[in-house]
PDB file of N, CA and C in Angstrom:
ATOM      1  N   MET A   1       0.855  -1.171   0.000  1.00  0.00           N
ATOM      2  CA  MET A   1       0.000   0.000   0.000  1.00  0.00           C
ATOM      3  C   MET A   1       0.904   1.240   0.000  1.00  0.00           C
ATOM      4  N   TYR A   2       0.479   2.243  -0.737  1.00  0.00           N
ATOM      5  CA  TYR A   2       1.237   3.491  -0.845  1.00  0.00           C
ATOM      6  C   TYR A   2       0.348   4.681  -0.506  1.00  0.00           C
ATOM      7  N   LEU A   3       0.930   5.646   0.174  1.00  0.00           N
ATOM      8  CA  LEU A   3       0.329   6.963   0.363  1.00  0.00           C
ATOM      9  C   LEU A   3       0.907   7.844  -0.729  1.00  0.00           C
ATOM     10  N   ILE A   4       0.044   8.425  -1.551  1.00  0.00           N
ATOM     11  CA  ILE A   4       0.498   9.247  -2.675  1.00  0.00           C
ATOM     12  C   ILE A   4       0.065  10.676  -2.417  1.00  0.00           C
ATOM     13  N   GLN A   5       1.028  11.583  -2.473  1.00  0.00           N
ATOM     14  CA  GLN A   5       0.750  13.000  -2.274  1.00  0.00           C
ATOM     15  C   GLN A   5       1.282  13.777  -3.466  1.00  0.00           C
ATOM     16  N   GLY A   6       0.517  14.751  -3.887  1.00  0.00           N
ATOM     17  CA  GLY A   6       0.939  15.585  -4.998  1.00  0.00           C
ATOM     18  C   GLY A   6       0.569  17.025  -4.752  1.00  0.00           C
ATOM     19  N   LYS A   7       1.180  17.904  -5.521  1.00  0.00           N
ATOM     20  CA  LYS A   7       0.800  19.310  -5.508  1.00  0.00           C
ATOM     21  C   LYS A   7       1.143  19.889  -6.866  1.00  0.00           C
ATOM     22  N   VAL A   8       0.374  20.893  -7.255  1.00  0.00           N
ATOM     23  CA  VAL A   8       0.579  21.565  -8.530  1.00  0.00           C
ATOM     24  C   VAL A   8       0.254  23.029  -8.340  1.00  0.00           C
ATOM     25  N   GLY A   9       1.070  23.899  -8.925  1.00  0.00           N
ATOM     26  CA  GLY A   9       0.733  25.313  -8.992  1.00  0.00           C
ATOM     27  C   GLY A   9      -0.079  25.541 -10.257  1.00  0.00           C
ATOM     28  N   ILE A  10      -1.123  26.347 -10.162  1.00  0.00           N
ATOM     29  CA  ILE A  10      -1.935  26.649 -11.332  1.00  0.00           C
ATOM     30  C   ILE A  10      -2.089  28.170 -11.406  1.00  0.00           C
ATOM     31  N   GLN A  11      -2.018  28.711 -12.624  1.00  0.00           N
ATOM     32  CA  GLN A  11      -2.041  30.156 -12.819  1.00  0.00           C
ATOM     33  C   GLN A  11      -3.093  30.550 -13.843  1.00  0.00           C
ATOM     34  N   ASN A  12      -3.706  31.700 -13.625  1.00  0.00           N
ATOM     35  CA  ASN A  12      -4.590  32.322 -14.596  1.00  0.00           C
ATOM     36  C   ASN A  12      -3.733  33.249 -15.449  1.00  0.00           C
ATOM     37  N   SER A  13      -3.885  33.166 -16.773  1.00  0.00           N
ATOM     38  CA  SER A  13      -3.050  33.976 -17.668  1.00  0.00           C
ATOM     39  C   SER A  13      -3.795  35.144 -18.304  1.00  0.00           C
ATOM     40  N   ASP A  14      -5.043  35.420 -17.868  1.00  0.00           N
ATOM     41  CA  ASP A  14      -5.743  36.563 -18.448  1.00  0.00           C
ATOM     42  C   ASP A  14      -6.435  37.394 -17.368  1.00  0.00           C
ATOM     43  N   SER A  15      -7.201  38.400 -17.782  1.00  0.00           N
ATOM     44  CA  SER A  15      -7.764  39.374 -16.844  1.00  0.00           C
ATOM     45  C   SER A  15      -9.140  38.996 -16.315  1.00  0.00           C
ATOM     46  N   ASP A  16      -9.638  37.800 -16.612  1.00  0.00           N
ATOM     47  CA  ASP A  16     -10.938  37.340 -16.110  1.00  0.00           C
ATOM     48  C   ASP A  16     -10.749  36.284 -15.035  1.00  0.00           C
ATOM     49  N   THR A  17     -11.619  36.309 -14.027  1.00  0.00           N
ATOM     50  CA  THR A  17     -11.643  35.233 -13.047  1.00  0.00           C
ATOM     51  C   THR A  17     -12.074  33.954 -13.756  1.00  0.00           C
ATOM     52  N   GLN A  18     -11.445  32.835 -13.420  1.00  0.00           N
ATOM     53  CA  GLN A  18     -11.807  31.566 -14.046  1.00  0.00           C
ATOM     54  C   GLN A  18     -11.537  30.410 -13.105  1.00  0.00           C
ATOM     55  N   GLY A  19     -12.199  29.312 -13.376  1.00  0.00           N
ATOM     56  CA  GLY A  19     -11.986  28.114 -12.587  1.00  0.00           C
ATOM     57  C   GLY A  19     -10.781  27.339 -13.073  1.00  0.00           C
ATOM     58  N   GLY A  20     -10.227  26.572 -12.179  1.00  0.00           N
ATOM     59  CA  GLY A  20      -9.136  25.670 -12.515  1.00  0.00           C
ATOM     60  C   GLY A  20      -9.258  24.421 -11.667  1.00  0.00           C
ATOM     61  N   SER A  21      -8.721  23.321 -12.156  1.00  0.00           N
ATOM     62  CA  SER A  21      -8.776  22.079 -11.389  1.00  0.00           C
ATOM     63  C   SER A  21      -7.573  21.217 -11.711  1.00  0.00           C
ATOM     64  N   CYS A  22      -7.225  20.368 -10.756  1.00  0.00           N
ATOM     65  CA  CYS A  22      -6.193  19.358 -10.963  1.00  0.00           C
ATOM     66  C   CYS A  22      -6.702  18.062 -10.346  1.00  0.00           C
ATOM     67  N   GLN A  23      -6.362  16.943 -10.987  1.00  0.00           N
ATOM     68  CA  GLN A  23      -6.767  15.657 -10.437  1.00  0.00           C
ATOM     69  C   GLN A  23      -5.592  14.694 -10.416  1.00  0.00           C
ATOM     70  N   LEU A  24      -5.618  13.845  -9.421  1.00  0.00           N
ATOM     71  CA  LEU A  24      -4.634  12.783  -9.246  1.00  0.00           C
ATOM     72  C   LEU A  24      -5.241  11.515  -9.833  1.00  0.00           C
ATOM     73  N   ASN A  25      -4.540  10.889 -10.767  1.00  0.00           N
ATOM     74  CA  ASN A  25      -5.023   9.680 -11.440  1.00  0.00           C
ATOM     75  C   ASN A  25      -4.108   8.507 -11.090  1.00  0.00           C
ATOM     76  N   ILE A  26      -4.707   7.393 -10.726  1.00  0.00           N
ATOM     77  CA  ILE A  26      -3.949   6.188 -10.417  1.00  0.00           C
ATOM     78  C   ILE A  26      -4.470   5.072 -11.313  1.00  0.00           C
ATOM     79  N   ALA A  27      -3.579   4.509 -12.121  1.00  0.00           N
ATOM     80  CA  ALA A  27      -3.921   3.431 -13.063  1.00  0.00           C
ATOM     81  C   ALA A  27      -5.117   3.826 -13.939  1.00  0.00           C
ATOM     82  N   GLY A  28      -5.137   5.097 -14.360  1.00  0.00           N
ATOM     83  CA  GLY A  28      -6.168   5.573 -15.268  1.00  0.00           C
ATOM     84  C   GLY A  28      -7.474   6.001 -14.635  1.00  0.00           C
ATOM     85  N   SER A  29      -7.602   5.920 -13.298  1.00  0.00           N
ATOM     86  CA  SER A  29      -8.830   6.317 -12.616  1.00  0.00           C
ATOM     87  C   SER A  29      -8.573   7.511 -11.710  1.00  0.00           C
ATOM     88  N   MET A  30      -9.558   8.419 -11.628  1.00  0.00           N
ATOM     89  CA  MET A  30      -9.407   9.587 -10.768  1.00  0.00           C
ATOM     90  C   MET A  30      -9.425   9.162  -9.306  1.00  0.00           C
ATOM     91  N   ALA A  31      -8.409   9.595  -8.557  1.00  0.00           N
ATOM     92  CA  ALA A  31      -8.307   9.270  -7.140  1.00  0.00           C
ATOM     93  C   ALA A  31      -8.581  10.475  -6.256  1.00  0.00           C
ATOM     94  N   ASP A  32      -8.307  11.693  -6.745  1.00  0.00           N
ATOM     95  CA  ASP A  32      -8.561  12.914  -5.979  1.00  0.00           C
ATOM     96  C   ASP A  32      -8.710  14.059  -6.965  1.00  0.00           C
ATOM     97  N   LEU A  33      -9.501  15.056  -6.574  1.00  0.00           N
ATOM     98  CA  LEU A  33      -9.756  16.218  -7.415  1.00  0.00           C
ATOM     99  C   LEU A  33      -9.799  17.448  -6.536  1.00  0.00           C
ATOM    100  N   ASP A  34      -9.150  18.520  -6.956  1.00  0.00           N
ATOM    101  CA  ASP A  34      -9.200  19.794  -6.241  1.00  0.00           C
ATOM    102  C   ASP A  34      -9.516  20.885  -7.243  1.00  0.00           C
ATOM    103  N   ARG A  35     -10.456  21.774  -6.881  1.00  0.00           N
ATOM    104  CA  ARG A  35     -10.868  22.875  -7.756  1.00  0.00           C
ATOM    105  C   ARG A  35     -10.613  24.202  -7.063  1.00  0.00           C
ATOM    106  N   VAL A  36     -10.425  25.241  -7.884  1.00  0.00           N
ATOM    107  CA  VAL A  36     -10.176  26.573  -7.341  1.00  0.00           C
ATOM    108  C   VAL A  36     -10.712  27.622  -8.303  1.00  0.00           C
ATOM    109  N   GLN A  37     -11.133  28.770  -7.777  1.00  0.00           N
ATOM    110  CA  GLN A  37     -11.442  29.940  -8.590  1.00  0.00           C
ATOM    111  C   GLN A  37     -10.172  30.777  -8.638  1.00  0.00           C
ATOM    112  N   LEU A  38      -9.650  30.975  -9.831  1.00  0.00           N
ATOM    113  CA  LEU A  38      -8.408  31.720  -9.996  1.00  0.00           C
ATOM    114  C   LEU A  38      -8.723  33.197 -10.207  1.00  0.00           C
ATOM    115  N   PRO A  39      -8.081  34.067  -9.432  1.00  0.00           N
ATOM    116  CA  PRO A  39      -8.306  35.494  -9.619  1.00  0.00           C
ATOM    117  C   PRO A  39      -7.691  35.957 -10.936  1.00  0.00           C
ATOM    118  N   PRO A  40      -8.094  37.132 -11.427  1.00  0.00           N
ATOM    119  CA  PRO A  40      -7.474  37.667 -12.644  1.00  0.00           C
ATOM    120  C   PRO A  40      -5.960  37.775 -12.474  1.00  0.00           C
ATOM    121  N   ALA A  41      -5.251  37.600 -13.571  1.00  0.00           N
ATOM    122  CA  ALA A  41      -3.790  37.704 -13.541  1.00  0.00           C
ATOM    123  C   ALA A  41      -3.396  39.145 -13.242  1.00  0.00           C
ATOM    124  N   PRO A  42      -2.408  39.340 -12.388  1.00  0.00           N
ATOM    125  CA  PRO A  42      -1.945  40.702 -12.117  1.00  0.00           C
ATOM    126  C   PRO A  42      -1.181  41.260 -13.315  1.00  0.00           C
ATOM    127  N   LEU A  43      -1.171  42.560 -13.413  1.00  0.00           N
ATOM    128  CA  LEU A  43      -0.398  43.219 -14.476  1.00  0.00           C
ATOM    129  C   LEU A  43       0.853  43.808 -13.865  1.00  0.00           C
ATOM    130  N   PRO A  44       1.999  43.715 -14.482  1.00  0.00           N
ATOM    131  CA  PRO A  44       2.255  43.054 -15.756  1.00  0.00           C
ATOM    132  C   PRO A  44       2.212  41.538 -15.605  1.00  0.00           C
ATOM    133  N   LEU A  45       1.989  40.837 -16.710  1.00  0.00           N
ATOM    134  CA  LEU A  45       1.851  39.386 -16.679  1.00  0.00           C
ATOM    135  C   LEU A  45       3.136  38.657 -16.302  1.00  0.00           C
ATOM    136  N   THR A  46       4.228  39.361 -16.188  1.00  0.00           N
ATOM    137  CA  THR A  46       5.485  38.734 -15.773  1.00  0.00           C
ATOM    138  C   THR A  46       5.472  38.377 -14.295  1.00  0.00           C
ATOM    139  N   THR A  47       4.453  38.818 -13.559  1.00  0.00           N
ATOM    140  CA  THR A  47       4.390  38.551 -12.122  1.00  0.00           C
ATOM    141  C   THR A  47       3.285  37.557 -11.774  1.00  0.00           C
ATOM    142  N   LEU A  48       3.046  36.570 -12.648  1.00  0.00           N
ATOM    143  CA  LEU A  48       2.012  35.574 -12.387  1.00  0.00           C
ATOM    144  C   LEU A  48       2.284  34.844 -11.076  1.00  0.00           C
ATOM    145  N   ALA A  49       1.222  34.597 -10.325  1.00  0.00           N
ATOM    146  CA  ALA A  49       1.352  33.913  -9.040  1.00  0.00           C
ATOM    147  C   ALA A  49       0.680  32.553  -9.109  1.00  0.00           C
ATOM    148  N   ASP A  50       1.301  31.560  -8.502  1.00  0.00           N
ATOM    149  CA  ASP A  50       0.732  30.213  -8.447  1.00  0.00           C
ATOM    150  C   ASP A  50      -0.289  30.113  -7.315  1.00  0.00           C
ATOM    151  N   THR A  51      -1.362  29.390  -7.568  1.00  0.00           N
ATOM    152  CA  THR A  51      -2.252  28.911  -6.528  1.00  0.00           C
ATOM    153  C   THR A  51      -2.000  27.416  -6.463  1.00  0.00           C
ATOM    154  N   PHE A  52      -1.527  26.931  -5.318  1.00  0.00           N
ATOM    155  CA  PHE A  52      -1.151  25.521  -5.220  1.00  0.00           C
ATOM    156  C   PHE A  52      -2.328  24.672  -4.779  1.00  0.00           C
ATOM    157  N   LEU A  53      -2.522  23.549  -5.467  1.00  0.00           N
ATOM    158  CA  LEU A  53      -3.583  22.602  -5.160  1.00  0.00           C
ATOM    159  C   LEU A  53      -2.966  21.320  -4.611  1.00  0.00           C
ATOM    160  N   PRO A  54      -3.352  20.909  -3.394  1.00  0.00           N
ATOM    161  CA  PRO A  54      -2.841  19.655  -2.834  1.00  0.00           C
ATOM    162  C   PRO A  54      -3.714  18.478  -3.268  1.00  0.00           C
ATOM    163  N   LEU A  55      -3.097  17.332  -3.474  1.00  0.00           N
ATOM    164  CA  LEU A  55      -3.795  16.117  -3.876  1.00  0.00           C
ATOM    165  C   LEU A  55      -3.243  14.949  -3.074  1.00  0.00           C
ATOM    166  N   SER A  56      -4.103  14.005  -2.692  1.00  0.00           N
ATOM    167  CA  SER A  56      -3.602  12.826  -1.978  1.00  0.00           C
ATOM    168  C   SER A  56      -4.553  11.647  -2.163  1.00  0.00           C
ATOM    169  N   ALA A  57      -4.007  10.454  -2.048  1.00  0.00           N
ATOM    170  CA  ALA A  57      -4.781   9.217  -2.163  1.00  0.00           C
ATOM    171  C   ALA A  57      -3.919   8.062  -1.652  1.00  0.00           C
ATOM    172  N   THR A  58      -4.551   6.922  -1.503  1.00  0.00           N
ATOM    173  CA  THR A  58      -3.818   5.691  -1.204  1.00  0.00           C
ATOM    174  C   THR A  58      -4.066   4.717  -2.351  1.00  0.00           C
ATOM    175  N   ALA A  59      -3.104   3.850  -2.577  1.00  0.00           N
ATOM    176  CA  ALA A  59      -3.244   2.888  -3.667  1.00  0.00           C
ATOM    177  C   ALA A  59      -2.357   1.680  -3.418  1.00  0.00           C
ATOM    178  N   ASP A  60      -2.797   0.541  -3.911  1.00  0.00           N
ATOM    179  CA  ASP A  60      -1.987  -0.674  -3.887  1.00  0.00           C
ATOM    180  C   ASP A  60      -1.251  -0.747  -5.222  1.00  0.00           C
ATOM    181  N   LEU A  61      -0.011  -0.351  -5.237  1.00  0.00           N
ATOM    182  CA  LEU A  61       0.787  -0.335  -6.460  1.00  0.00           C
ATOM    183  C   LEU A  61       1.694  -1.552  -6.584  1.00  0.00           C
ATOM    184  N   THR A  62       1.552  -2.508  -5.671  1.00  0.00           N
ATOM    185  CA  THR A  62       2.460  -3.659  -5.648  1.00  0.00           C
ATOM    186  C   THR A  62       2.192  -4.648  -6.770  1.00  0.00           C
ATOM    187  N   GLN A  63       1.025  -4.603  -7.404  1.00  0.00           N
ATOM    188  CA  GLN A  63       0.689  -5.535  -8.475  1.00  0.00           C
ATOM    189  C   GLN A  63       1.222  -5.099  -9.833  1.00  0.00           C
ATOM    190  N   GLY A  64       1.893  -3.955  -9.911  1.00  0.00           N
ATOM    191  CA  GLY A  64       2.413  -3.447 -11.179  1.00  0.00           C
ATOM    192  C   GLY A  64       1.340  -2.683 -11.933  1.00  0.00           C
ATOM    193  N   GLY A  65       1.759  -1.950 -12.939  1.00  0.00           N
ATOM    194  CA  GLY A  65       0.819  -1.177 -13.737  1.00  0.00           C
ATOM    195  C   GLY A  65       0.230  -0.003 -13.001  1.00  0.00           C
ATOM    196  N   GLY A  66       0.846   0.416 -11.936  1.00  0.00           N
ATOM    197  CA  GLY A  66       0.319   1.497 -11.110  1.00  0.00           C
ATOM    198  C   GLY A  66       0.825   2.854 -11.544  1.00  0.00           C
ATOM    199  N   THR A  67       0.474   3.290 -12.729  1.00  0.00           N
ATOM    200  CA  THR A  67       0.894   4.597 -13.205  1.00  0.00           C
ATOM    201  C   THR A  67       0.137   5.680 -12.456  1.00  0.00           C
ATOM    202  N   VAL A  68       0.868   6.685 -11.960  1.00  0.00           N
ATOM    203  CA  VAL A  68       0.283   7.797 -11.223  1.00  0.00           C
ATOM    204  C   VAL A  68       0.576   9.077 -12.000  1.00  0.00           C
ATOM    205  N   THR A  69      -0.475   9.858 -12.290  1.00  0.00           N
ATOM    206  CA  THR A  69      -0.320  11.106 -13.029  1.00  0.00           C
ATOM    207  C   THR A  69      -1.154  12.201 -12.387  1.00  0.00           C
ATOM    208  N   ILE A  70      -0.801  13.441 -12.727  1.00  0.00           N
ATOM    209  CA  ILE A  70      -1.599  14.610 -12.359  1.00  0.00           C
ATOM    210  C   ILE A  70      -2.025  15.281 -13.656  1.00  0.00           C
ATOM    211  N   THR A  71      -3.318  15.621 -13.755  1.00  0.00           N
ATOM    212  CA  THR A  71      -3.868  16.305 -14.912  1.00  0.00           C
ATOM    213  C   THR A  71      -4.543  17.588 -14.434  1.00  0.00           C
ATOM    214  N   CYS A  72      -4.271  18.711 -15.111  1.00  0.00           N
ATOM    215  CA  CYS A  72      -4.868  19.991 -14.733  1.00  0.00           C
ATOM    216  C   CYS A  72      -5.585  20.622 -15.912  1.00  0.00           C
ATOM    217  N   ALA A  73      -6.575  21.472 -15.593  1.00  0.00           N
ATOM    218  CA  ALA A  73      -7.326  22.150 -16.635  1.00  0.00           C
ATOM    219  C   ALA A  73      -7.734  23.541 -16.159  1.00  0.00           C
ATOM    220  N   THR A  74      -7.721  24.492 -17.074  1.00  0.00           N
ATOM    221  CA  THR A  74      -8.249  25.836 -16.866  1.00  0.00           C
ATOM    222  C   THR A  74      -8.479  26.445 -18.240  1.00  0.00           C
ATOM    223  N   PHE A  75      -9.261  27.516 -18.321  1.00  0.00           N
ATOM    224  CA  PHE A  75      -9.590  28.103 -19.614  1.00  0.00           C
ATOM    225  C   PHE A  75      -8.365  28.717 -20.282  1.00  0.00           C
ATOM    226  N   ASN A  76      -7.658  29.588 -19.582  1.00  0.00           N
ATOM    227  CA  ASN A  76      -6.474  30.252 -20.135  1.00  0.00           C
ATOM    228  C   ASN A  76      -5.449  30.392 -19.022  1.00  0.00           C
ATOM    229  N   GLY A  77      -4.691  29.350 -18.813  1.00  0.00           N
ATOM    230  CA  GLY A  77      -3.707  29.366 -17.740  1.00  0.00           C
ATOM    231  C   GLY A  77      -2.695  28.259 -17.928  1.00  0.00           C
ATOM    232  N   VAL A  78      -1.866  28.084 -16.930  1.00  0.00           N
ATOM    233  CA  VAL A  78      -0.829  27.058 -16.985  1.00  0.00           C
ATOM    234  C   VAL A  78      -0.705  26.370 -15.634  1.00  0.00           C
ATOM    235  N   ALA A  79      -0.211  25.147 -15.670  1.00  0.00           N
ATOM    236  CA  ALA A  79       0.135  24.409 -14.458  1.00  0.00           C
ATOM    237  C   ALA A  79       1.648  24.432 -14.323  1.00  0.00           C
ATOM    238  N   THR A  80       2.132  24.617 -13.097  1.00  0.00           N
ATOM    239  CA  THR A  80       3.565  24.723 -12.856  1.00  0.00           C
ATOM    240  C   THR A  80       3.968  23.881 -11.649  1.00  0.00           C
ATOM    241  N   GLU A  81       5.223  23.552 -11.592  1.00  0.00           N
ATOM    242  CA  GLU A  81       5.852  22.906 -10.443  1.00  0.00           C
ATOM    243  C   GLU A  81       5.097  21.673  -9.927  1.00  0.00           C
ATOM    244  N   PRO A  82       4.727  20.734 -10.806  1.00  0.00           N
ATOM    245  CA  PRO A  82       4.055  19.526 -10.300  1.00  0.00           C
ATOM    246  C   PRO A  82       5.026  18.682  -9.488  1.00  0.00           C
ATOM    247  N   ALA A  83       4.509  18.056  -8.445  1.00  0.00           N
ATOM    248  CA  ALA A  83       5.338  17.182  -7.613  1.00  0.00           C
ATOM    249  C   ALA A  83       4.493  16.001  -7.149  1.00  0.00           C
ATOM    250  N   LEU A  84       5.065  14.819  -7.193  1.00  0.00           N
ATOM    251  CA  LEU A  84       4.425  13.593  -6.706  1.00  0.00           C
ATOM    252  C   LEU A  84       5.364  12.865  -5.761  1.00  0.00           C
ATOM    253  N   THR A  85       4.805  12.349  -4.674  1.00  0.00           N
ATOM    254  CA  THR A  85       5.567  11.547  -3.736  1.00  0.00           C
ATOM    255  C   THR A  85       4.754  10.304  -3.413  1.00  0.00           C
ATOM    256  N   ALA A  86       5.368   9.138  -3.500  1.00  0.00           N
ATOM    257  CA  ALA A  86       4.718   7.882  -3.114  1.00  0.00           C
ATOM    258  C   ALA A  86       5.508   7.258  -1.977  1.00  0.00           C
ATOM    259  N   ILE A  87       4.849   7.047  -0.859  1.00  0.00           N
ATOM    260  CA  ILE A  87       5.493   6.490   0.341  1.00  0.00           C
ATOM    261  C   ILE A  87       4.870   5.134   0.627  1.00  0.00           C
ATOM    262  N   GLN A  88       5.677   4.087   0.620  1.00  0.00           N
ATOM    263  CA  GLN A  88       5.154   2.763   0.940  1.00  0.00           C
ATOM    264  C   GLN A  88       4.870   2.682   2.425  1.00  0.00           C
ATOM    265  N   VAL A  89       3.653   2.218   2.765  1.00  0.00           N
ATOM    266  CA  VAL A  89       3.248   2.080   4.153  1.00  0.00           C
ATOM    267  C   VAL A  89       2.759   0.656   4.385  1.00  0.00           C
ATOM    268  N   GLY A  90       2.760   0.233   5.654  1.00  0.00           N
ATOM    269  CA  GLY A  90       2.336  -1.119   5.982  1.00  0.00           C
ATOM    270  C   GLY A  90       0.842  -1.318   5.801  1.00  0.00           C
ATOM    271  N   GLY A  91       0.067  -0.262   5.948  1.00  0.00           N
ATOM    272  CA  GLY A  91      -1.393  -0.333   5.821  1.00  0.00           C
ATOM    273  C   GLY A  91      -1.990   1.003   6.166  1.00  0.00           C
ATOM    274  N   ILE A  92      -3.247   1.169   5.818  1.00  0.00           N
ATOM    275  CA  ILE A  92      -3.967   2.396   6.123  1.00  0.00           C
ATOM    276  C   ILE A  92      -5.080   2.033   7.089  1.00  0.00           C
ATOM    277  N   ASN A  93      -5.119   2.694   8.244  1.00  0.00           N
ATOM    278  CA  ASN A  93      -6.158   2.423   9.239  1.00  0.00           C
ATOM    279  C   ASN A  93      -7.192   3.519   9.244  1.00  0.00           C
TER     280      ASN A  93
END
C-alpha cells in the first residue's frame, strides 16, 4: 500500500476570473480532485502567481501497472511545479 501526495501550482493567464482544477489519477482512474477559482492575472503578466492545489490518495501499487499522473485544466492558464511523492506504508487504518 502506498500513500500518494501531490501538488501543482496553477495560474490564470488573463484578466478574467476563471476556474481551474487538478486531479490525481492512479492506473487511469481519478483518485482525488481539487478545484479553485483563480483570480485575474496581475499586471504586468510577468508577475504571475501560483495557486497551489494539494492532492492525496492511497493505492496498492504492488501488483504493477500502477501509473500515477496529475492532470490539470483551466480556460487560459498554466500548471507549474508539479510534484508527486509515493510512500510505501504497511497499511492504512
